[in-house]
C-alpha atoms as a PDB file:
ATOM      1  CA  MET A   1     -37.716 162.966 -62.091  1.00  0.00           C
ATOM      2  CA  THR A   2     -36.980 161.324 -65.353  1.00  0.00           C
ATOM      3  CA  GLU A   3     -34.202 163.247 -66.013  1.00  0.00           C
ATOM      4  CA  VAL A   4     -32.703 161.771 -62.569  1.00  0.00           C
ATOM      5  CA  ALA A   5     -33.620 158.443 -63.469  1.00  0.00           C
ATOM      6  CA  LEU A   6     -32.249 158.367 -67.072  1.00  0.00           C
ATOM      7  CA  SER A   7     -29.172 159.560 -65.612  1.00  0.00           C
ATOM      8  CA  HIS A   8     -29.133 156.978 -63.001  1.00  0.00           C
ATOM      9  CA  GLY A   9     -29.596 154.207 -65.612  1.00  0.00           C
ATOM     10  CA  GLN A  10     -26.796 155.677 -67.760  1.00  0.00           C
ATOM     11  CA  ALA A  11     -24.700 155.660 -64.779  1.00  0.00           C
ATOM     12  CA  ASP A  12     -25.879 151.856 -63.889  1.00  0.00           C
ATOM     13  CA  PRO A  13     -27.098 150.485 -67.149  1.00  0.00           C
ATOM     14  CA  HIS A  14     -27.241 146.885 -65.838  1.00  0.00           C
ATOM     15  CA  HIS A  15     -28.686 147.888 -62.250  1.00  0.00           C
ATOM     16  CA  LEU A  16     -25.780 146.740 -60.693  1.00  0.00           C
ATOM     17  CA  GLY A  17     -25.655 149.299 -57.801  1.00  0.00           C
ATOM     18  CA  GLY A  18     -27.013 146.952 -54.718  1.00  0.00           C
ATOM     19  CA  LEU A  19     -24.124 144.497 -55.806  1.00  0.00           C
ATOM     20  CA  GLN A  20     -21.407 146.803 -56.256  1.00  0.00           C
ATOM     21  CA  SER A  21     -21.978 148.551 -52.812  1.00  0.00           C
ATOM     22  CA  VAL A  22     -22.013 145.017 -51.164  1.00  0.00           C
ATOM     23  CA  GLY A  23     -18.891 144.395 -53.017  1.00  0.00           C
ATOM     24  CA  ALA A  24     -17.190 147.763 -51.538  1.00  0.00           C
ATOM     25  CA  SER A  25     -18.655 147.128 -48.017  1.00  0.00           C
ATOM     26  CA  HIS A  26     -16.385 143.772 -47.997  1.00  0.00           C
ATOM     27  CA  ALA A  27     -13.426 145.174 -49.612  1.00  0.00           C
ATOM     28  CA  GLY A  28     -10.281 144.900 -47.878  1.00  0.00           C
ATOM     29  CA  PRO A  29      -6.667 143.851 -47.384  1.00  0.00           C
ATOM     30  CA  ALA A  30      -5.934 140.246 -48.366  1.00  0.00           C
ATOM     31  CA  SER A  31      -5.554 137.349 -45.482  1.00  0.00           C
ATOM     32  CA  LYS A  32      -2.732 136.495 -43.985  1.00  0.00           C
ATOM     33  CA  ARG A  33      -2.423 133.209 -45.733  1.00  0.00           C
ATOM     34  CA  ILE A  34      -2.944 134.602 -49.053  1.00  0.00           C
ATOM     35  CA  VAL A  35      -0.191 137.410 -48.039  1.00  0.00           C
ATOM     36  CA  ALA A  36       2.303 134.585 -46.533  1.00  0.00           C
ATOM     37  CA  GLY A  37       1.915 132.249 -49.683  1.00  0.00           C
ATOM     38  CA  TYR A  38       2.726 135.387 -52.293  1.00  0.00           C
ATOM     39  CA  GLY A  39       5.686 136.304 -49.913  1.00  0.00           C
ATOM     40  CA  PHE A  40       7.176 133.106 -50.013  1.00  0.00           C
ATOM     41  CA  TRP A  41       6.765 132.833 -53.762  1.00  0.00           C
ATOM     42  CA  ILE A  42       9.147 135.738 -54.227  1.00  0.00           C
ATOM     43  CA  PHE A  43      11.300 134.117 -52.171  1.00  0.00           C
ATOM     44  CA  LEU A  44      11.130 130.819 -54.164  1.00  0.00           C
ATOM     45  CA  LEU A  45      11.497 132.929 -57.350  1.00  0.00           C
ATOM     46  CA  SER A  46      14.699 134.594 -56.034  1.00  0.00           C
ATOM     47  CA  ASP A  47      15.988 130.978 -55.408  1.00  0.00           C
ATOM     48  CA  ILE A  48      15.426 129.968 -58.765  1.00  0.00           C
ATOM     49  CA  VAL A  49      17.220 132.734 -60.212  1.00  0.00           C
ATOM     50  CA  MET A  50      20.325 131.798 -57.993  1.00  0.00           C
ATOM     51  CA  PHE A  51      20.002 127.972 -59.372  1.00  0.00           C
ATOM     52  CA  SER A  52      19.675 129.474 -63.081  1.00  0.00           C
ATOM     53  CA  CYS A  53      22.819 131.042 -62.607  1.00  0.00           C
ATOM     54  CA  PHE A  54      24.278 127.854 -61.461  1.00  0.00           C
ATOM     55  CA  PHE A  55      22.761 125.929 -64.358  1.00  0.00           C
ATOM     56  CA  ALA A  56      24.214 128.296 -66.579  1.00  0.00           C
ATOM     57  CA  SER A  57      27.663 128.203 -64.946  1.00  0.00           C
ATOM     58  CA  TYR A  58      27.290 124.277 -65.403  1.00  0.00           C
ATOM     59  CA  ALA A  59      26.373 124.530 -68.784  1.00  0.00           C
ATOM     60  CA  VAL A  60      29.360 126.702 -70.058  1.00  0.00           C
ATOM     61  CA  LEU A  61      31.974 124.525 -67.674  1.00  0.00           C
ATOM     62  CA  SER A  62      30.795 121.132 -68.260  1.00  0.00           C
ATOM     63  CA  GLY A  63      33.637 120.031 -71.024  1.00  0.00           C
ATOM     64  CA  ALA A  64      36.532 121.958 -68.920  1.00  0.00           C
ATOM     65  CA  THR A  65      37.662 118.927 -67.458  1.00  0.00           C
ATOM     66  CA  ALA A  66      41.423 119.885 -67.470  1.00  0.00           C
ATOM     67  CA  GLY A  67      42.493 116.421 -68.777  1.00  0.00           C
ATOM     68  CA  GLY A  68      40.345 114.672 -66.047  1.00  0.00           C
ATOM     69  CA  PRO A  69      37.514 112.528 -65.993  1.00  0.00           C
ATOM     70  CA  ALA A  70      34.023 113.842 -67.490  1.00  0.00           C
ATOM     71  CA  GLY A  71      30.589 112.703 -66.331  1.00  0.00           C
ATOM     72  CA  ALA A  72      30.403 109.938 -68.347  1.00  0.00           C
ATOM     73  CA  GLN A  73      33.399 108.223 -66.242  1.00  0.00           C
ATOM     74  CA  LEU A  74      32.158 109.179 -63.024  1.00  0.00           C
ATOM     75  CA  PHE A  75      28.129 109.100 -62.643  1.00  0.00           C
ATOM     76  CA  ASP A  76      26.387 106.393 -61.380  1.00  0.00           C
ATOM     77  CA  LEU A  77      22.867 106.525 -62.958  1.00  0.00           C
ATOM     78  CA  ARG A  78      21.665 103.669 -60.624  1.00  0.00           C
ATOM     79  CA  ASN A  79      22.431 105.601 -57.488  1.00  0.00           C
ATOM     80  CA  VAL A  80      20.950 108.773 -58.891  1.00  0.00           C
ATOM     81  CA  ALA A  81      18.091 106.988 -59.764  1.00  0.00           C
ATOM     82  CA  ILE A  82      17.592 105.662 -56.264  1.00  0.00           C
ATOM     83  CA  GLU A  83      18.076 109.302 -55.303  1.00  0.00           C
ATOM     84  CA  THR A  84      15.588 110.749 -57.883  1.00  0.00           C
ATOM     85  CA  ALA A  85      13.065 108.071 -56.642  1.00  0.00           C
ATOM     86  CA  CYS A  86      13.490 108.814 -52.836  1.00  0.00           C
ATOM     87  CA  LEU A  87      12.897 112.796 -53.905  1.00  0.00           C
ATOM     88  CA  LEU A  88      10.050 112.023 -55.674  1.00  0.00           C
ATOM     89  CA  LEU A  89       8.172 109.648 -53.408  1.00  0.00           C
ATOM     90  CA  SER A  90       9.009 112.390 -50.630  1.00  0.00           C
ATOM     91  CA  SER A  91       7.162 114.842 -52.753  1.00  0.00           C
ATOM     92  CA  PHE A  92       4.188 112.414 -52.758  1.00  0.00           C
ATOM     93  CA  SER A  93       4.183 112.009 -48.939  1.00  0.00           C
ATOM     94  CA  CYS A  94       4.692 115.896 -48.392  1.00  0.00           C
ATOM     95  CA  GLY A  95       1.185 116.413 -50.513  1.00  0.00           C
ATOM     96  CA  MET A  96      -0.512 113.633 -48.089  1.00  0.00           C
ATOM     97  CA  ALA A  97       0.517 115.780 -45.169  1.00  0.00           C
ATOM     98  CA  SER A  98      -0.955 118.524 -46.539  1.00  0.00           C
ATOM     99  CA  LEU A  99      -4.006 116.706 -47.037  1.00  0.00           C
ATOM    100  CA  ALA A 100      -3.879 115.601 -43.748  1.00  0.00           C
ATOM    101  CA  ALA A 101      -3.274 118.812 -42.390  1.00  0.00           C
ATOM    102  CA  ALA A 102      -6.335 120.330 -44.480  1.00  0.00           C
ATOM    103  CA  VAL A 103      -8.771 117.694 -42.792  1.00  0.00           C
ATOM    104  CA  GLY A 104      -7.393 118.343 -39.257  1.00  0.00           C
ATOM    105  CA  SER A 105      -5.732 114.734 -38.939  1.00  0.00           C
ATOM    106  CA  GLN A 106      -2.724 115.006 -36.731  1.00  0.00           C
ATOM    107  CA  ARG A 107      -1.706 110.988 -36.694  1.00  0.00           C
ATOM    108  CA  TRP A 108      -1.510 110.914 -40.607  1.00  0.00           C
ATOM    109  CA  PHE A 109      -0.071 114.345 -40.870  1.00  0.00           C
ATOM    110  CA  GLN A 110       2.569 112.947 -38.241  1.00  0.00           C
ATOM    111  CA  VAL A 111       3.053 109.729 -40.502  1.00  0.00           C
ATOM    112  CA  ALA A 112       3.164 111.679 -43.724  1.00  0.00           C
ATOM    113  CA  MET A 113       6.058 114.123 -42.546  1.00  0.00           C
ATOM    114  CA  ALA A 114       7.889 111.422 -40.884  1.00  0.00           C
ATOM    115  CA  ALA A 115       8.014 109.225 -44.332  1.00  0.00           C
ATOM    116  CA  THR A 116       8.660 112.644 -46.251  1.00  0.00           C
ATOM    117  CA  GLY A 117      11.615 113.100 -43.610  1.00  0.00           C
ATOM    118  CA  MET A 118      12.974 109.733 -43.809  1.00  0.00           C
ATOM    119  CA  LEU A 119      12.931 110.047 -47.723  1.00  0.00           C
ATOM    120  CA  GLY A 120      14.705 113.422 -47.549  1.00  0.00           C
ATOM    121  CA  ALA A 121      17.417 111.778 -44.942  1.00  0.00           C
ATOM    122  CA  ALA A 122      17.669 108.821 -47.409  1.00  0.00           C
ATOM    123  CA  PHE A 123      18.421 111.315 -50.389  1.00  0.00           C
ATOM    124  CA  LEU A 124      20.909 113.093 -48.531  1.00  0.00           C
ATOM    125  CA  GLY A 125      22.754 109.948 -47.538  1.00  0.00           C
ATOM    126  CA  LEU A 126      22.956 108.923 -50.916  1.00  0.00           C
ATOM    127  CA  GLU A 127      24.352 111.940 -51.936  1.00  0.00           C
ATOM    128  CA  LEU A 128      26.941 112.355 -49.439  1.00  0.00           C
ATOM    129  CA  ARG A 129      28.142 108.801 -50.502  1.00  0.00           C
ATOM    130  CA  GLU A 130      28.270 109.858 -54.155  1.00  0.00           C
ATOM    131  CA  PHE A 131      30.241 113.189 -53.177  1.00  0.00           C
ATOM    132  CA  ALA A 132      32.626 111.080 -50.837  1.00  0.00           C
ATOM    133  CA  ASP A 133      33.285 108.209 -53.667  1.00  0.00           C
ATOM    134  CA  LEU A 134      34.098 111.042 -55.997  1.00  0.00           C
ATOM    135  CA  VAL A 135      36.574 112.536 -53.726  1.00  0.00           C
ATOM    136  CA  GLU A 136      38.152 109.121 -52.943  1.00  0.00           C
ATOM    137  CA  GLN A 137      38.573 108.802 -57.030  1.00  0.00           C
ATOM    138  CA  GLY A 138      40.632 112.020 -57.235  1.00  0.00           C
ATOM    139  CA  ALA A 139      37.607 113.742 -58.543  1.00  0.00           C
ATOM    140  CA  GLY A 140      37.150 116.492 -55.915  1.00  0.00           C
ATOM    141  CA  PRO A 141      35.567 119.930 -56.572  1.00  0.00           C
ATOM    142  CA  THR A 142      39.122 121.314 -57.112  1.00  0.00           C
ATOM    143  CA  ARG A 143      39.822 119.010 -59.774  1.00  0.00           C
ATOM    144  CA  SER A 144      38.721 120.984 -62.541  1.00  0.00           C
ATOM    145  CA  ALA A 145      36.224 123.380 -63.395  1.00  0.00           C
ATOM    146  CA  PHE A 146      33.596 120.666 -64.463  1.00  0.00           C
ATOM    147  CA  LEU A 147      33.655 119.245 -61.330  1.00  0.00           C
ATOM    148  CA  SER A 148      33.623 122.850 -59.208  1.00  0.00           C
ATOM    149  CA  ALA A 149      30.572 123.570 -60.833  1.00  0.00           C
ATOM    150  CA  PHE A 150      29.355 119.713 -60.551  1.00  0.00           C
ATOM    151  CA  PHE A 151      29.940 120.329 -56.626  1.00  0.00           C
ATOM    152  CA  THR A 152      28.222 123.926 -56.574  1.00  0.00           C
ATOM    153  CA  LEU A 153      25.102 122.908 -58.176  1.00  0.00           C
ATOM    154  CA  VAL A 154      24.404 119.807 -56.851  1.00  0.00           C
ATOM    155  CA  GLY A 155      25.716 120.711 -53.094  1.00  0.00           C
ATOM    156  CA  CYS A 156      23.763 123.960 -53.060  1.00  0.00           C
ATOM    157  CA  HIS A 157      20.771 121.559 -53.868  1.00  0.00           C
ATOM    158  CA  GLY A 158      21.758 119.312 -50.852  1.00  0.00           C
ATOM    159  CA  LEU A 159      21.878 122.071 -48.703  1.00  0.00           C
ATOM    160  CA  HIS A 160      18.544 122.966 -49.240  1.00  0.00           C
ATOM    161  CA  VAL A 161      17.171 119.672 -48.627  1.00  0.00           C
ATOM    162  CA  THR A 162      19.004 119.577 -45.321  1.00  0.00           C
ATOM    163  CA  ALA A 163      17.537 122.821 -44.186  1.00  0.00           C
ATOM    164  CA  GLY A 164      13.916 121.457 -45.495  1.00  0.00           C
ATOM    165  CA  VAL A 165      14.482 118.740 -43.361  1.00  0.00           C
ATOM    166  CA  LEU A 166      15.081 120.267 -40.237  1.00  0.00           C
ATOM    167  CA  TRP A 167      12.224 122.871 -41.141  1.00  0.00           C
ATOM    168  CA  LEU A 168      10.296 119.472 -41.660  1.00  0.00           C
ATOM    169  CA  LEU A 169      11.177 118.431 -38.240  1.00  0.00           C
ATOM    170  CA  THR A 170      10.316 121.781 -36.661  1.00  0.00           C
ATOM    171  CA  MET A 171       6.652 121.691 -37.982  1.00  0.00           C
ATOM    172  CA  MET A 172       6.161 118.540 -36.806  1.00  0.00           C
ATOM    173  CA  ALA A 173       7.153 119.500 -33.419  1.00  0.00           C
ATOM    174  CA  GLN A 174       4.926 122.540 -33.648  1.00  0.00           C
ATOM    175  CA  VAL A 175       1.983 120.413 -34.673  1.00  0.00           C
ATOM    176  CA  PHE A 176       2.339 118.151 -31.884  1.00  0.00           C
ATOM    177  CA  ALA A 177       2.435 120.728 -29.308  1.00  0.00           C
ATOM    178  CA  LYS A 178      -0.057 123.326 -30.892  1.00  0.00           C
ATOM    179  CA  GLY A 179      -2.173 121.508 -33.203  1.00  0.00           C
ATOM    180  CA  PHE A 180      -3.402 123.324 -36.661  1.00  0.00           C
ATOM    181  CA  ARG A 181      -3.454 127.213 -35.642  1.00  0.00           C
ATOM    182  CA  ALA A 182      -3.773 129.367 -38.210  1.00  0.00           C
ATOM    183  CA  ASP A 183      -0.133 130.273 -38.014  1.00  0.00           C
ATOM    184  CA  ILE A 184       1.223 127.019 -38.536  1.00  0.00           C
ATOM    185  CA  CYS A 185      -0.887 126.413 -41.494  1.00  0.00           C
ATOM    186  CA  ARG A 186       0.633 129.154 -42.790  1.00  0.00           C
ATOM    187  CA  ARG A 187       4.156 127.621 -42.399  1.00  0.00           C
ATOM    188  CA  LEU A 188       3.100 124.095 -43.635  1.00  0.00           C
ATOM    189  CA  LEU A 189       1.992 126.392 -46.887  1.00  0.00           C
ATOM    190  CA  CYS A 190       5.506 127.610 -47.064  1.00  0.00           C
ATOM    191  CA  PHE A 191       6.851 124.292 -46.239  1.00  0.00           C
ATOM    192  CA  ALA A 192       5.027 122.504 -48.679  1.00  0.00           C
ATOM    193  CA  LEU A 193       5.962 124.994 -51.629  1.00  0.00           C
ATOM    194  CA  PHE A 194       9.729 124.846 -50.395  1.00  0.00           C
ATOM    195  CA  TRP A 195       9.700 121.221 -50.791  1.00  0.00           C
ATOM    196  CA  HIS A 196       7.749 120.760 -54.360  1.00  0.00           C
ATOM    197  CA  ALA A 197      10.114 123.378 -55.595  1.00  0.00           C
ATOM    198  CA  LEU A 198      13.398 121.394 -54.371  1.00  0.00           C
ATOM    199  CA  ASP A 199      11.941 118.258 -56.381  1.00  0.00           C
ATOM    200  CA  ILE A 200      11.497 120.516 -59.476  1.00  0.00           C
ATOM    201  CA  ILE A 201      14.660 121.366 -59.503  1.00  0.00           C
ATOM    202  CA  TRP A 202      16.360 118.199 -58.800  1.00  0.00           C
ATOM    203  CA  VAL A 203      14.124 117.086 -61.887  1.00  0.00           C
ATOM    204  CA  ALA A 204      16.309 119.586 -63.809  1.00  0.00           C
ATOM    205  CA  ILE A 205      19.499 118.505 -62.329  1.00  0.00           C
ATOM    206  CA  PHE A 206      18.609 114.997 -62.811  1.00  0.00           C
ATOM    207  CA  SER A 207      18.086 115.627 -66.703  1.00  0.00           C
ATOM    208  CA  MET A 208      20.866 118.072 -67.126  1.00  0.00           C
ATOM    209  CA  VAL A 209      23.605 116.948 -65.332  1.00  0.00           C
ATOM    210  CA  TYR A 210      23.274 113.465 -64.788  1.00  0.00           C
ATOM    211  CA  LEU A 211      21.663 112.196 -67.950  1.00  0.00           C
ATOM    212  CA  LEU A 212      23.195 114.605 -70.375  1.00  0.00           C
ATOM    213  CA  GLY A 213      26.674 114.052 -68.523  1.00  0.00           C
ATOM    214  CA  SER A 214      26.434 110.228 -68.741  1.00  0.00           C
ATOM    215  CA  GLY A 215      26.149 110.305 -72.498  1.00  0.00           C
ATOM    216  CA  THR A 216      29.019 112.660 -73.544  1.00  0.00           C
END
């Protein structure tokens, strides 16, 4: 009897046998929300790798103007500052939409998502106007390697914002029709991660492309 007690004490010196059995009984696969969030983080990391390649290409080709205009002659920092403000504010309103979804307030969710969509559309409008002005000045993507890298990097981000606005409209329609179901909340989580990631990437573009480019 003593030997059995001693062997049990050595195997479980802190007397956690009961707690271990309780934890084992509740062990199982992760929830769908965790799996969806983890999988979407992997997608975002692959997207960031792609943007890293574009950033590296731009860094190498930023001086290859082929005798054409450089960033200091082309970039309008006032316009870019307005674009940045629109995207930063849209990230804030997207966070407000996530909070509204967490408390189940459909009205405030729709208001916050509508604000996010309008700010995203304003950002895209300003960016398209910038591209059109550059092309009118003869500084299109075929003018030099520098401009090719610029249009590729900034244009790819713009395409992502366009996809995000379309996704946003889809989520607004789904919540309006079906409410905050578990599967819809998982999609909202992925959308919020996507939108905030675009905001972070734009801050890097604003710093590396526009601020550094305007100083050269």
